[in-house]
Amino acid sequence: MATLAALATQPPRPPEQAGVLQPVLEGLLRKEPAERIGADEAEELLRAAADGVAAPVSPVPPARPTVVKQVDTVQLPEPKGRRGRVVWWAGVAAVLLLVAVIAGRPVLSDAGADEVAAPVPSSGSSSEPTPASGSPAPAVPVPSGSAPVVAPTATKAPGVAVTTALAAAPTATTAQPAATTAGTVQQPAAAVGSPVQNMQTGTCLQLDTGSGAIVMWTCNGTDAQKFDIRGDGSLRVLDRCVRVLGNGNGGRIGSGACDGSTAAQWDLNSSFDLVNLEVVKCADVPDGSSADGVAVQVWECSGTGNQKWRH
């Protein structure tokens, strides 16, 4: 818009490099249409310029009021050399177009100079944030065995935003060692059962863990005194089964593997007798002794107190 306004309101600069065409250009580029030279005069000036002579231009007439009057249309006879005339006028039009371009270049340059140019940022300023001095650049993780990734150095020109692309470093996979249970002590399962106490002596059955024998001992609630009577008839203590070791009276009672034999099956009946199903004899405390460590035996069931048990 500024260029169009300059062309419409400001007179063009004199065509200093037009040479012999200067009179023609000055006459055709006058600001006021009424002051411009006519076609006949332009033709004469162009013919003179073609001969290499700069003809004088008619002076600018004084300004006068514009009078509009009707002009009769005169039909001019067609010239004989029509084809040559057309070629000649085409050359004139080309010269005029060249003249207009030469004359309009200074005007366009001046009009463009008046427009506000986009500010060019100085080399000292940048839209990118400046990292703090002394802060090391973040390290790019490089997996073991691969070449390190080097960030390219970007040269930034003033006013040009520079984008630096870094190659994505492959993710390093670190195998985590499997959790080991070495050194973990497996805690034994809690003992199941309850004490078996003799009604006469008040002492309890106990497993001698050293020999595997069943002895009498002061009731203390330890795991060695916790007996469990199972549905299969077994009497268990610390995962071992109580079994008879002899068939006759006085046969000792010990412990062993749970094999399902009748020697390891017992029945605590409603009379509080603890009867072994293989020998059909009762668990008996010898002589009714209440001392610790007395070995338990089997004996013919007599119903005495040293053969009565509670569980």
C-alpha atoms as a PDB file:
ATOM      1  CA  MET A   1       0.000   0.000   0.000  1.00  0.00           C
ATOM      2  CA  ALA A   2       2.857   2.409   0.742  1.00  0.00           C
ATOM      3  CA  THR A   3       4.327   1.756  -2.699  1.00  0.00           C
ATOM      4  CA  LEU A   4       1.005   2.435  -4.420  1.00  0.00           C
ATOM      5  CA  ALA A   5       0.549   5.619  -2.404  1.00  0.00           C
ATOM      6  CA  ALA A   6       4.034   6.806  -3.380  1.00  0.00           C
ATOM      7  CA  LEU A   7       3.356   6.158  -7.047  1.00  0.00           C
ATOM      8  CA  ALA A   8       0.065   8.048  -6.851  1.00  0.00           C
ATOM      9  CA  THR A   9       1.192  11.099  -4.849  1.00  0.00           C
ATOM     10  CA  GLN A  10       4.951  11.566  -5.368  1.00  0.00           C
ATOM     11  CA  PRO A  11       6.609  12.615  -8.649  1.00  0.00           C
ATOM     12  CA  PRO A  12       9.198  10.122  -9.921  1.00  0.00           C
ATOM     13  CA  ARG A  13      12.871  10.935  -9.929  1.00  0.00           C
ATOM     14  CA  PRO A  14      14.303  12.286 -13.150  1.00  0.00           C
ATOM     15  CA  PRO A  15      15.590   9.421 -15.301  1.00  0.00           C
ATOM     16  CA  GLU A  16      19.281  10.203 -15.056  1.00  0.00           C
ATOM     17  CA  GLN A  17      20.437   7.162 -17.065  1.00  0.00           C
ATOM     18  CA  ALA A  18      17.812   7.332 -19.812  1.00  0.00           C
ATOM     19  CA  GLY A  19      20.139   9.004 -22.328  1.00  0.00           C
ATOM     20  CA  VAL A  20      18.349  10.026 -25.518  1.00  0.00           C
ATOM     21  CA  LEU A  21      15.105   8.659 -24.072  1.00  0.00           C
ATOM     22  CA  GLN A  22      15.089  11.212 -21.251  1.00  0.00           C
ATOM     23  CA  PRO A  23      12.780  13.694 -23.087  1.00  0.00           C
ATOM     24  CA  VAL A  24      10.280  10.939 -23.808  1.00  0.00           C
ATOM     25  CA  LEU A  25      10.324   9.710 -20.225  1.00  0.00           C
ATOM     26  CA  GLU A  26       9.953  13.165 -18.715  1.00  0.00           C
ATOM     27  CA  GLY A  27       7.026  13.914 -20.984  1.00  0.00           C
ATOM     28  CA  LEU A  28       5.238  10.616 -20.304  1.00  0.00           C
ATOM     29  CA  LEU A  29       5.857  10.511 -16.533  1.00  0.00           C
ATOM     30  CA  ARG A  30       4.494  13.939 -15.622  1.00  0.00           C
ATOM     31  CA  LYS A  31       2.273  13.822 -12.573  1.00  0.00           C
ATOM     32  CA  GLU A  32      -0.724  15.573 -14.072  1.00  0.00           C
ATOM     33  CA  PRO A  33      -2.296  13.699 -16.969  1.00  0.00           C
ATOM     34  CA  ALA A  34      -3.129  16.966 -18.700  1.00  0.00           C
ATOM     35  CA  GLU A  35       0.539  17.962 -18.724  1.00  0.00           C
ATOM     36  CA  ARG A  36       1.809  14.738 -20.319  1.00  0.00           C
ATOM     37  CA  ILE A  37       2.816  14.708 -23.984  1.00  0.00           C
ATOM     38  CA  GLY A  38       0.514  13.240 -26.584  1.00  0.00           C
ATOM     39  CA  ALA A  39       0.985  10.248 -28.807  1.00  0.00           C
ATOM     40  CA  ASP A  40       2.118  12.285 -31.801  1.00  0.00           C
ATOM     41  CA  GLU A  41       4.755  14.137 -29.845  1.00  0.00           C
ATOM     42  CA  ALA A  42       5.880  10.874 -28.193  1.00  0.00           C
ATOM     43  CA  GLU A  43       6.228   9.336 -31.652  1.00  0.00           C
ATOM     44  CA  GLU A  44       8.351  12.229 -32.859  1.00  0.00           C
ATOM     45  CA  LEU A  45      10.549  12.033 -29.760  1.00  0.00           C
ATOM     46  CA  LEU A  46      10.988   8.283 -30.155  1.00  0.00           C
ATOM     47  CA  ARG A  47      11.926   8.711 -33.834  1.00  0.00           C
ATOM     48  CA  ALA A  48      14.454  11.338 -32.828  1.00  0.00           C
ATOM     49  CA  ALA A  49      15.794   9.030 -30.092  1.00  0.00           C
ATOM     50  CA  ALA A  50      16.081   6.249 -32.648  1.00  0.00           C
ATOM     51  CA  ASP A  51      18.222   8.570 -34.749  1.00  0.00           C
ATOM     52  CA  GLY A  52      20.372   9.285 -31.662  1.00  0.00           C
ATOM     53  CA  VAL A  53      19.172  12.909 -31.230  1.00  0.00           C
ATOM     54  CA  ALA A  54      17.601  14.123 -27.986  1.00  0.00           C
ATOM     55  CA  ALA A  55      14.710  16.317 -29.137  1.00  0.00           C
ATOM     56  CA  PRO A  56      13.433  19.061 -26.852  1.00  0.00           C
ATOM     57  CA  VAL A  57      10.227  18.425 -24.958  1.00  0.00           C
ATOM     58  CA  SER A  58       7.394  20.877 -25.167  1.00  0.00           C
ATOM     59  CA  PRO A  59       7.199  22.956 -22.018  1.00  0.00           C
ATOM     60  CA  VAL A  60       4.615  22.206 -19.412  1.00  0.00           C
ATOM     61  CA  PRO A  61       1.544  24.305 -20.170  1.00  0.00           C
ATOM     62  CA  PRO A  62       0.186  26.425 -17.364  1.00  0.00           C
ATOM     63  CA  ALA A  63      -2.477  24.838 -15.264  1.00  0.00           C
ATOM     64  CA  ARG A  64      -5.919  25.554 -16.524  1.00  0.00           C
ATOM     65  CA  PRO A  65      -9.323  24.400 -15.526  1.00  0.00           C
ATOM     66  CA  THR A  66     -10.339  21.141 -17.032  1.00  0.00           C
ATOM     67  CA  VAL A  67     -12.987  21.629 -19.670  1.00  0.00           C
ATOM     68  CA  VAL A  68     -14.887  18.594 -20.750  1.00  0.00           C
ATOM     69  CA  LYS A  69     -16.163  18.850 -24.281  1.00  0.00           C
ATOM     70  CA  GLN A  70     -17.453  16.346 -26.685  1.00  0.00           C
ATOM     71  CA  VAL A  71     -15.090  15.371 -29.445  1.00  0.00           C
ATOM     72  CA  ASP A  72     -16.389  13.998 -32.673  1.00  0.00           C
ATOM     73  CA  THR A  73     -15.065  10.599 -33.581  1.00  0.00           C
ATOM     74  CA  VAL A  74     -13.107  10.688 -36.791  1.00  0.00           C
ATOM     75  CA  GLN A  75     -12.682   7.486 -38.705  1.00  0.00           C
ATOM     76  CA  LEU A  76      -9.067   7.402 -39.816  1.00  0.00           C
ATOM     77  CA  PRO A  77      -8.193   5.492 -42.910  1.00  0.00           C
ATOM     78  CA  GLU A  78      -6.255   2.346 -42.308  1.00  0.00           C
ATOM     79  CA  PRO A  79      -2.635   2.839 -43.229  1.00  0.00           C
ATOM     80  CA  LYS A  80      -1.220   0.836 -46.071  1.00  0.00           C
ATOM     81  CA  GLY A  81       1.668  -0.643 -44.190  1.00  0.00           C
ATOM     82  CA  ARG A  82      -0.522  -2.068 -41.402  1.00  0.00           C
ATOM     83  CA  ARG A  83       1.755  -4.998 -40.594  1.00  0.00           C
ATOM     84  CA  GLY A  84       4.830  -2.763 -40.349  1.00  0.00           C
ATOM     85  CA  ARG A  85       2.860  -0.277 -38.251  1.00  0.00           C
ATOM     86  CA  VAL A  86       1.870  -2.999 -35.788  1.00  0.00           C
ATOM     87  CA  VAL A  87       5.460  -4.155 -35.463  1.00  0.00           C
ATOM     88  CA  TRP A  88       6.605  -0.565 -34.945  1.00  0.00           C
ATOM     89  CA  TRP A  89       4.042   0.076 -32.202  1.00  0.00           C
ATOM     90  CA  ALA A  90       4.963  -3.203 -30.494  1.00  0.00           C
ATOM     91  CA  GLY A  91       8.547  -1.961 -30.325  1.00  0.00           C
ATOM     92  CA  VAL A  92       7.334   1.359 -28.931  1.00  0.00           C
ATOM     93  CA  ALA A  93       5.313  -0.466 -26.249  1.00  0.00           C
ATOM     94  CA  ALA A  94       8.342  -2.551 -25.286  1.00  0.00           C
ATOM     95  CA  VAL A  95      10.477   0.598 -24.986  1.00  0.00           C
ATOM     96  CA  LEU A  96       7.814   2.283 -22.858  1.00  0.00           C
ATOM     97  CA  LEU A  97       7.575  -0.774 -20.599  1.00  0.00           C
ATOM     98  CA  LEU A  98      11.356  -0.797 -20.174  1.00  0.00           C
ATOM     99  CA  VAL A  99      11.304   2.928 -19.427  1.00  0.00           C
ATOM    100  CA  ALA A 100       8.550   2.482 -16.845  1.00  0.00           C
ATOM    101  CA  VAL A 101      10.522  -0.282 -15.110  1.00  0.00           C
ATOM    102  CA  ILE A 102      13.710   1.827 -15.027  1.00  0.00           C
ATOM    103  CA  ALA A 103      11.842   4.874 -13.765  1.00  0.00           C
ATOM    104  CA  GLY A 104       9.823   2.971 -11.176  1.00  0.00           C
ATOM    105  CA  ARG A 105      12.793   1.147  -9.607  1.00  0.00           C
ATOM    106  CA  PRO A 106      14.001   4.149  -7.526  1.00  0.00           C
ATOM    107  CA  VAL A 107      10.441   4.875  -6.414  1.00  0.00           C
ATOM    108  CA  LEU A 108       9.905   1.283  -5.291  1.00  0.00           C
ATOM    109  CA  SER A 109      13.254   1.286  -3.502  1.00  0.00           C
ATOM    110  CA  ASP A 110      12.430   4.503  -1.623  1.00  0.00           C
ATOM    111  CA  ALA A 111       8.943   3.315  -0.729  1.00  0.00           C
ATOM    112  CA  GLY A 112      10.255  -0.030   0.512  1.00  0.00           C
ATOM    113  CA  ALA A 113      12.902   1.741   2.583  1.00  0.00           C
ATOM    114  CA  ASP A 114      10.187   3.709   4.388  1.00  0.00           C
ATOM    115  CA  GLU A 115       8.554   0.527   5.582  1.00  0.00           C
ATOM    116  CA  VAL A 116       9.633  -0.847   8.950  1.00  0.00           C
ATOM    117  CA  ALA A 117      12.113  -3.661   8.498  1.00  0.00           C
ATOM    118  CA  ALA A 118      11.977  -6.643  10.766  1.00  0.00           C
ATOM    119  CA  PRO A 119      14.529  -6.157  13.564  1.00  0.00           C
ATOM    120  CA  VAL A 120      17.508  -8.450  13.377  1.00  0.00           C
ATOM    121  CA  PRO A 121      18.581  -9.640  16.801  1.00  0.00           C
ATOM    122  CA  SER A 122      22.138  -8.866  17.742  1.00  0.00           C
ATOM    123  CA  SER A 123      24.684 -11.612  17.942  1.00  0.00           C
ATOM    124  CA  GLY A 124      24.803 -11.220  21.711  1.00  0.00           C
ATOM    125  CA  SER A 125      21.123 -12.022  22.237  1.00  0.00           C
ATOM    126  CA  SER A 126      19.396 -15.337  21.716  1.00  0.00           C
ATOM    127  CA  SER A 127      15.930 -16.679  22.295  1.00  0.00           C
ATOM    128  CA  GLU A 128      17.418 -19.824  23.705  1.00  0.00           C
ATOM    129  CA  PRO A 129      18.078 -19.949  27.459  1.00  0.00           C
ATOM    130  CA  THR A 130      21.747 -19.574  28.348  1.00  0.00           C
ATOM    131  CA  PRO A 131      22.931 -22.330  30.671  1.00  0.00           C
ATOM    132  CA  ALA A 132      24.469 -21.221  33.933  1.00  0.00           C
ATOM    133  CA  SER A 133      28.243 -20.973  33.858  1.00  0.00           C
ATOM    134  CA  GLY A 134      30.034 -23.715  35.666  1.00  0.00           C
ATOM    135  CA  SER A 135      27.143 -26.180  35.327  1.00  0.00           C
ATOM    136  CA  PRO A 136      28.275 -29.348  33.569  1.00  0.00           C
ATOM    137  CA  ALA A 137      26.259 -30.590  30.635  1.00  0.00           C
ATOM    138  CA  PRO A 138      24.020 -33.549  31.503  1.00  0.00           C
ATOM    139  CA  ALA A 139      25.710 -36.833  30.775  1.00  0.00           C
ATOM    140  CA  VAL A 140      24.110 -39.145  28.238  1.00  0.00           C
ATOM    141  CA  PRO A 141      23.994 -42.734  29.556  1.00  0.00           C
ATOM    142  CA  VAL A 142      25.972 -45.071  27.315  1.00  0.00           C
ATOM    143  CA  PRO A 143      25.411 -48.825  27.653  1.00  0.00           C
ATOM    144  CA  SER A 144      28.405 -51.059  28.141  1.00  0.00           C
ATOM    145  CA  GLY A 145      30.110 -52.185  24.939  1.00  0.00           C
ATOM    146  CA  SER A 146      28.666 -49.495  22.630  1.00  0.00           C
ATOM    147  CA  ALA A 147      30.263 -46.350  21.228  1.00  0.00           C
ATOM    148  CA  PRO A 148      29.562 -43.164  23.207  1.00  0.00           C
ATOM    149  CA  VAL A 149      27.091 -40.679  21.743  1.00  0.00           C
ATOM    150  CA  VAL A 150      28.733 -37.305  21.051  1.00  0.00           C
ATOM    151  CA  ALA A 151      26.413 -34.287  20.899  1.00  0.00           C
ATOM    152  CA  PRO A 152      27.136 -32.290  17.693  1.00  0.00           C
ATOM    153  CA  THR A 153      28.335 -28.707  18.123  1.00  0.00           C
ATOM    154  CA  ALA A 154      25.884 -26.251  16.552  1.00  0.00           C
ATOM    155  CA  THR A 155      27.134 -22.920  15.114  1.00  0.00           C
ATOM    156  CA  LYS A 156      24.388 -20.380  15.561  1.00  0.00           C
ATOM    157  CA  ALA A 157      24.093 -17.418  13.200  1.00  0.00           C
ATOM    158  CA  PRO A 158      22.573 -14.164  14.520  1.00  0.00           C
ATOM    159  CA  GLY A 159      18.797 -14.205  14.414  1.00  0.00           C
ATOM    160  CA  VAL A 160      18.576 -17.885  13.458  1.00  0.00           C
ATOM    161  CA  ALA A 161      17.125 -20.382  15.901  1.00  0.00           C
ATOM    162  CA  VAL A 162      19.245 -23.501  16.017  1.00  0.00           C
ATOM    163  CA  THR A 163      17.774 -26.862  16.935  1.00  0.00           C
ATOM    164  CA  THR A 164      20.285 -29.527  17.910  1.00  0.00           C
ATOM    165  CA  ALA A 165      19.053 -33.126  17.678  1.00  0.00           C
ATOM    166  CA  LEU A 166      20.781 -35.677  19.836  1.00  0.00           C
ATOM    167  CA  ALA A 167      20.788 -39.325  18.919  1.00  0.00           C
ATOM    168  CA  ALA A 168      18.715 -41.306  21.353  1.00  0.00           C
ATOM    169  CA  ALA A 169      20.999 -43.421  23.457  1.00  0.00           C
ATOM    170  CA  PRO A 170      19.884 -47.033  23.816  1.00  0.00           C
ATOM    171  CA  THR A 171      18.477 -47.831  27.169  1.00  0.00           C
ATOM    172  CA  ALA A 172      20.946 -49.719  29.285  1.00  0.00           C
ATOM    173  CA  THR A 173      19.410 -52.820  30.746  1.00  0.00           C
ATOM    174  CA  THR A 174      20.848 -53.817  34.058  1.00  0.00           C
ATOM    175  CA  ALA A 175      20.033 -57.308  35.134  1.00  0.00           C
ATOM    176  CA  GLN A 176      18.985 -57.340  38.738  1.00  0.00           C
ATOM    177  CA  PRO A 177      20.363 -60.292  40.685  1.00  0.00           C
ATOM    178  CA  ALA A 178      17.728 -62.699  41.774  1.00  0.00           C
ATOM    179  CA  ALA A 179      16.962 -62.609  45.429  1.00  0.00           C
ATOM    180  CA  THR A 180      18.573 -65.548  47.147  1.00  0.00           C
ATOM    181  CA  THR A 181      17.424 -67.308  50.226  1.00  0.00           C
ATOM    182  CA  ALA A 182      20.868 -68.523  51.221  1.00  0.00           C
ATOM    183  CA  GLY A 183      21.348 -68.382  54.952  1.00  0.00           C
ATOM    184  CA  THR A 184      17.600 -68.274  55.642  1.00  0.00           C
ATOM    185  CA  VAL A 185      16.791 -70.725  58.390  1.00  0.00           C
ATOM    186  CA  GLN A 186      13.599 -72.672  57.803  1.00  0.00           C
ATOM    187  CA  GLN A 187      11.608 -72.386  60.989  1.00  0.00           C
ATOM    188  CA  PRO A 188      10.108 -75.705  62.115  1.00  0.00           C
ATOM    189  CA  ALA A 189       6.355 -76.024  62.135  1.00  0.00           C
ATOM    190  CA  ALA A 190       4.719 -75.385  65.451  1.00  0.00           C
ATOM    191  CA  ALA A 191       4.098 -78.533  67.467  1.00  0.00           C
ATOM    192  CA  VAL A 192       0.538 -79.857  67.440  1.00  0.00           C
ATOM    193  CA  GLY A 193      -1.122 -81.514  70.399  1.00  0.00           C
ATOM    194  CA  SER A 194      -1.456 -81.273  74.170  1.00  0.00           C
ATOM    195  CA  PRO A 195       0.129 -82.977  77.225  1.00  0.00           C
ATOM    196  CA  VAL A 196      -0.835 -86.518  78.283  1.00  0.00           C
ATOM    197  CA  GLN A 197      -0.822 -86.507  82.119  1.00  0.00           C
ATOM    198  CA  ASN A 198      -0.928 -89.496  84.490  1.00  0.00           C
ATOM    199  CA  MET A 199      -3.759 -89.127  87.002  1.00  0.00           C
ATOM    200  CA  GLN A 200      -1.804 -90.736  89.854  1.00  0.00           C
ATOM    201  CA  THR A 201       1.664 -89.213  89.564  1.00  0.00           C
ATOM    202  CA  GLY A 202       0.694 -85.887  87.975  1.00  0.00           C
ATOM    203  CA  THR A 203       3.678 -86.120  85.623  1.00  0.00           C
ATOM    204  CA  CYS A 204       3.412 -86.067  81.823  1.00  0.00           C
ATOM    205  CA  LEU A 205       4.547 -88.191  78.928  1.00  0.00           C
ATOM    206  CA  GLN A 206       7.637 -86.736  77.216  1.00  0.00           C
ATOM    207  CA  LEU A 207       9.734 -87.647  74.164  1.00  0.00           C
ATOM    208  CA  ASP A 208      13.408 -88.082  74.941  1.00  0.00           C
ATOM    209  CA  THR A 209      14.735 -86.493  71.757  1.00  0.00           C
ATOM    210  CA  GLY A 210      18.138 -88.138  72.277  1.00  0.00           C
ATOM    211  CA  SER A 211      17.055 -91.777  72.527  1.00  0.00           C
ATOM    212  CA  GLY A 212      13.507 -91.573  71.165  1.00  0.00           C
ATOM    213  CA  ALA A 213      12.135 -93.211  74.336  1.00  0.00           C
ATOM    214  CA  ILE A 214       8.892 -92.099  76.014  1.00  0.00           C
ATOM    215  CA  VAL A 215       9.514 -91.152  79.658  1.00  0.00           C
ATOM    216  CA  MET A 216       7.673 -89.443  82.494  1.00  0.00           C
ATOM    217  CA  TRP A 217       8.583 -85.835  83.309  1.00  0.00           C
ATOM    218  CA  THR A 218       7.280 -82.882  85.209  1.00  0.00           C
ATOM    219  CA  CYS A 219       4.668 -81.191  83.028  1.00  0.00           C
ATOM    220  CA  ASN A 220       6.264 -78.087  81.443  1.00  0.00           C
ATOM    221  CA  GLY A 221       4.306 -77.482  78.191  1.00  0.00           C
ATOM    222  CA  THR A 222       7.290 -77.958  75.894  1.00  0.00           C
ATOM    223  CA  ASP A 223       6.925 -79.356  72.375  1.00  0.00           C
ATOM    224  CA  ALA A 224       8.299 -82.707  73.531  1.00  0.00           C
ATOM    225  CA  GLN A 225       5.200 -83.061  75.744  1.00  0.00           C
ATOM    226  CA  LYS A 226       2.641 -82.163  73.046  1.00  0.00           C
ATOM    227  CA  PHE A 227       0.951 -85.339  71.808  1.00  0.00           C
ATOM    228  CA  ASP A 228      -1.683 -85.538  69.090  1.00  0.00           C
ATOM    229  CA  ILE A 229      -4.102 -88.467  68.746  1.00  0.00           C
ATOM    230  CA  ARG A 230      -5.029 -88.802  65.069  1.00  0.00           C
ATOM    231  CA  GLY A 231      -8.051 -90.399  63.465  1.00  0.00           C
ATOM    232  CA  ASP A 232      -5.935 -93.287  62.188  1.00  0.00           C
ATOM    233  CA  GLY A 233      -5.142 -94.286  65.811  1.00  0.00           C
ATOM    234  CA  SER A 234      -1.590 -92.909  65.804  1.00  0.00           C
ATOM    235  CA  LEU A 235      -0.224 -90.960  68.778  1.00  0.00           C
ATOM    236  CA  ARG A 236       2.230 -88.377  67.410  1.00  0.00           C
ATOM    237  CA  VAL A 237       4.836 -86.126  68.983  1.00  0.00           C
ATOM    238  CA  LEU A 238       7.282 -83.941  66.994  1.00  0.00           C
ATOM    239  CA  ASP A 239       6.339 -85.758  63.732  1.00  0.00           C
ATOM    240  CA  ARG A 240       7.136 -89.179  65.241  1.00  0.00           C
ATOM    241  CA  CYS A 241       4.698 -91.925  66.193  1.00  0.00           C
ATOM    242  CA  VAL A 242       4.598 -93.521  69.677  1.00  0.00           C
ATOM    243  CA  ARG A 243       4.890 -97.334  69.379  1.00  0.00           C
ATOM    244  CA  VAL A 244       5.301-100.392  71.626  1.00  0.00           C
ATOM    245  CA  LEU A 245       8.749-102.012  71.606  1.00  0.00           C
ATOM    246  CA  GLY A 246       7.878-105.330  73.375  1.00  0.00           C
ATOM    247  CA  ASN A 247       4.868-107.676  73.540  1.00  0.00           C
ATOM    248  CA  GLY A 248       4.946-108.815  77.171  1.00  0.00           C
ATOM    249  CA  ASN A 249       4.354-106.983  80.416  1.00  0.00           C
ATOM    250  CA  GLY A 250       7.086-104.433  80.998  1.00  0.00           C
ATOM    251  CA  GLY A 251       7.687-103.835  77.295  1.00  0.00           C
ATOM    252  CA  ARG A 252       9.092-100.335  76.754  1.00  0.00           C
ATOM    253  CA  ILE A 253       7.335 -97.608  74.791  1.00  0.00           C
ATOM    254  CA  GLY A 254       9.376 -95.636  72.266  1.00  0.00           C
ATOM    255  CA  SER A 255       8.905 -93.660  69.015  1.00  0.00           C
ATOM    256  CA  GLY A 256       9.570 -94.244  65.346  1.00  0.00           C
ATOM    257  CA  ALA A 257       8.352 -93.688  61.822  1.00  0.00           C
ATOM    258  CA  CYS A 258       4.652 -93.528  61.219  1.00  0.00           C
ATOM    259  CA  ASP A 259       4.099 -96.664  59.119  1.00  0.00           C
ATOM    260  CA  GLY A 260       0.444 -97.367  59.966  1.00  0.00           C
ATOM    261  CA  SER A 261       1.215-100.620  61.830  1.00  0.00           C
ATOM    262  CA  THR A 262      -0.882-101.664  64.866  1.00  0.00           C
ATOM    263  CA  ALA A 263       2.224-101.333  67.064  1.00  0.00           C
ATOM    264  CA  ALA A 264       1.868 -97.572  66.560  1.00  0.00           C
ATOM    265  CA  GLN A 265      -1.915 -97.413  67.140  1.00  0.00           C
ATOM    266  CA  TRP A 266      -3.469 -96.458  70.490  1.00  0.00           C
ATOM    267  CA  ASP A 267      -6.906 -96.005  71.960  1.00  0.00           C
ATOM    268  CA  LEU A 268      -7.640 -93.633  74.866  1.00  0.00           C
ATOM    269  CA  ASN A 269     -10.954 -95.129  75.962  1.00  0.00           C
ATOM    270  CA  SER A 270     -13.699 -93.713  78.113  1.00  0.00           C
ATOM    271  CA  SER A 271     -12.122 -95.374  81.186  1.00  0.00           C
ATOM    272  CA  PHE A 272      -9.012 -93.227  80.632  1.00  0.00           C
ATOM    273  CA  ASP A 273      -6.939 -96.283  79.697  1.00  0.00           C
ATOM    274  CA  LEU A 274      -4.342 -95.753  76.951  1.00  0.00           C
ATOM    275  CA  VAL A 275      -4.405 -99.152  75.184  1.00  0.00           C
ATOM    276  CA  ASN A 276      -1.982-100.324  72.468  1.00  0.00           C
ATOM    277  CA  LEU A 277      -3.967-102.136  69.741  1.00  0.00           C
ATOM    278  CA  GLU A 278      -1.229-104.656  68.883  1.00  0.00           C
ATOM    279  CA  VAL A 279      -0.595-106.120  72.345  1.00  0.00           C
ATOM    280  CA  VAL A 280      -3.882-104.924  73.866  1.00  0.00           C
ATOM    281  CA  LYS A 281      -2.118-103.710  77.010  1.00  0.00           C
ATOM    282  CA  CYS A 282      -2.212-100.388  78.858  1.00  0.00           C
ATOM    283  CA  ALA A 283       0.450 -97.695  79.171  1.00  0.00           C
ATOM    284  CA  ASP A 284       1.764 -97.994  82.731  1.00  0.00           C
ATOM    285  CA  VAL A 285       4.020 -95.915  85.052  1.00  0.00           C
ATOM    286  CA  PRO A 286       6.278 -98.456  86.813  1.00  0.00           C
ATOM    287  CA  ASP A 287       5.447 -98.602  90.529  1.00  0.00           C
ATOM    288  CA  GLY A 288       3.559 -95.320  90.198  1.00  0.00           C
ATOM    289  CA  SER A 289       6.843 -93.346  90.435  1.00  0.00           C
ATOM    290  CA  SER A 290       6.616 -89.576  90.050  1.00  0.00           C
ATOM    291  CA  ALA A 291      10.347 -89.140  89.377  1.00  0.00           C
ATOM    292  CA  ASP A 292      11.513 -87.475  86.176  1.00  0.00           C
ATOM    293  CA  GLY A 293      12.958 -89.786  83.529  1.00  0.00           C
ATOM    294  CA  VAL A 294      11.039 -92.941  84.471  1.00  0.00           C
ATOM    295  CA  ALA A 295      10.558 -95.068  81.321  1.00  0.00           C
ATOM    296  CA  VAL A 296       6.918 -95.835  80.460  1.00  0.00           C
ATOM    297  CA  GLN A 297       5.932 -99.499  79.844  1.00  0.00           C
ATOM    298  CA  VAL A 298       2.913-101.601  78.808  1.00  0.00           C
ATOM    299  CA  TRP A 299       1.113-103.907  81.298  1.00  0.00           C
ATOM    300  CA  GLU A 300      -2.037-105.879  81.612  1.00  0.00           C
ATOM    301  CA  CYS A 301      -4.859-103.379  82.161  1.00  0.00           C
ATOM    302  CA  SER A 302      -5.759-103.439  85.873  1.00  0.00           C
ATOM    303  CA  GLY A 303      -7.650-100.184  86.288  1.00  0.00           C
ATOM    304  CA  THR A 304      -5.141 -98.775  88.794  1.00  0.00           C
ATOM    305  CA  GLY A 305      -4.259 -95.068  88.977  1.00  0.00           C
ATOM    306  CA  ASN A 306      -0.823 -95.457  87.386  1.00  0.00           C
ATOM    307  CA  GLN A 307      -2.642 -96.605  84.186  1.00  0.00           C
ATOM    308  CA  LYS A 308      -5.153 -93.698  83.989  1.00  0.00           C
ATOM    309  CA  TRP A 309      -4.452 -90.770  81.660  1.00  0.00           C
ATOM    310  CA  ARG A 310      -6.015 -87.464  80.684  1.00  0.00           C
ATOM    311  CA  HIS A 311      -5.355 -85.658  77.383  1.00  0.00           C
END
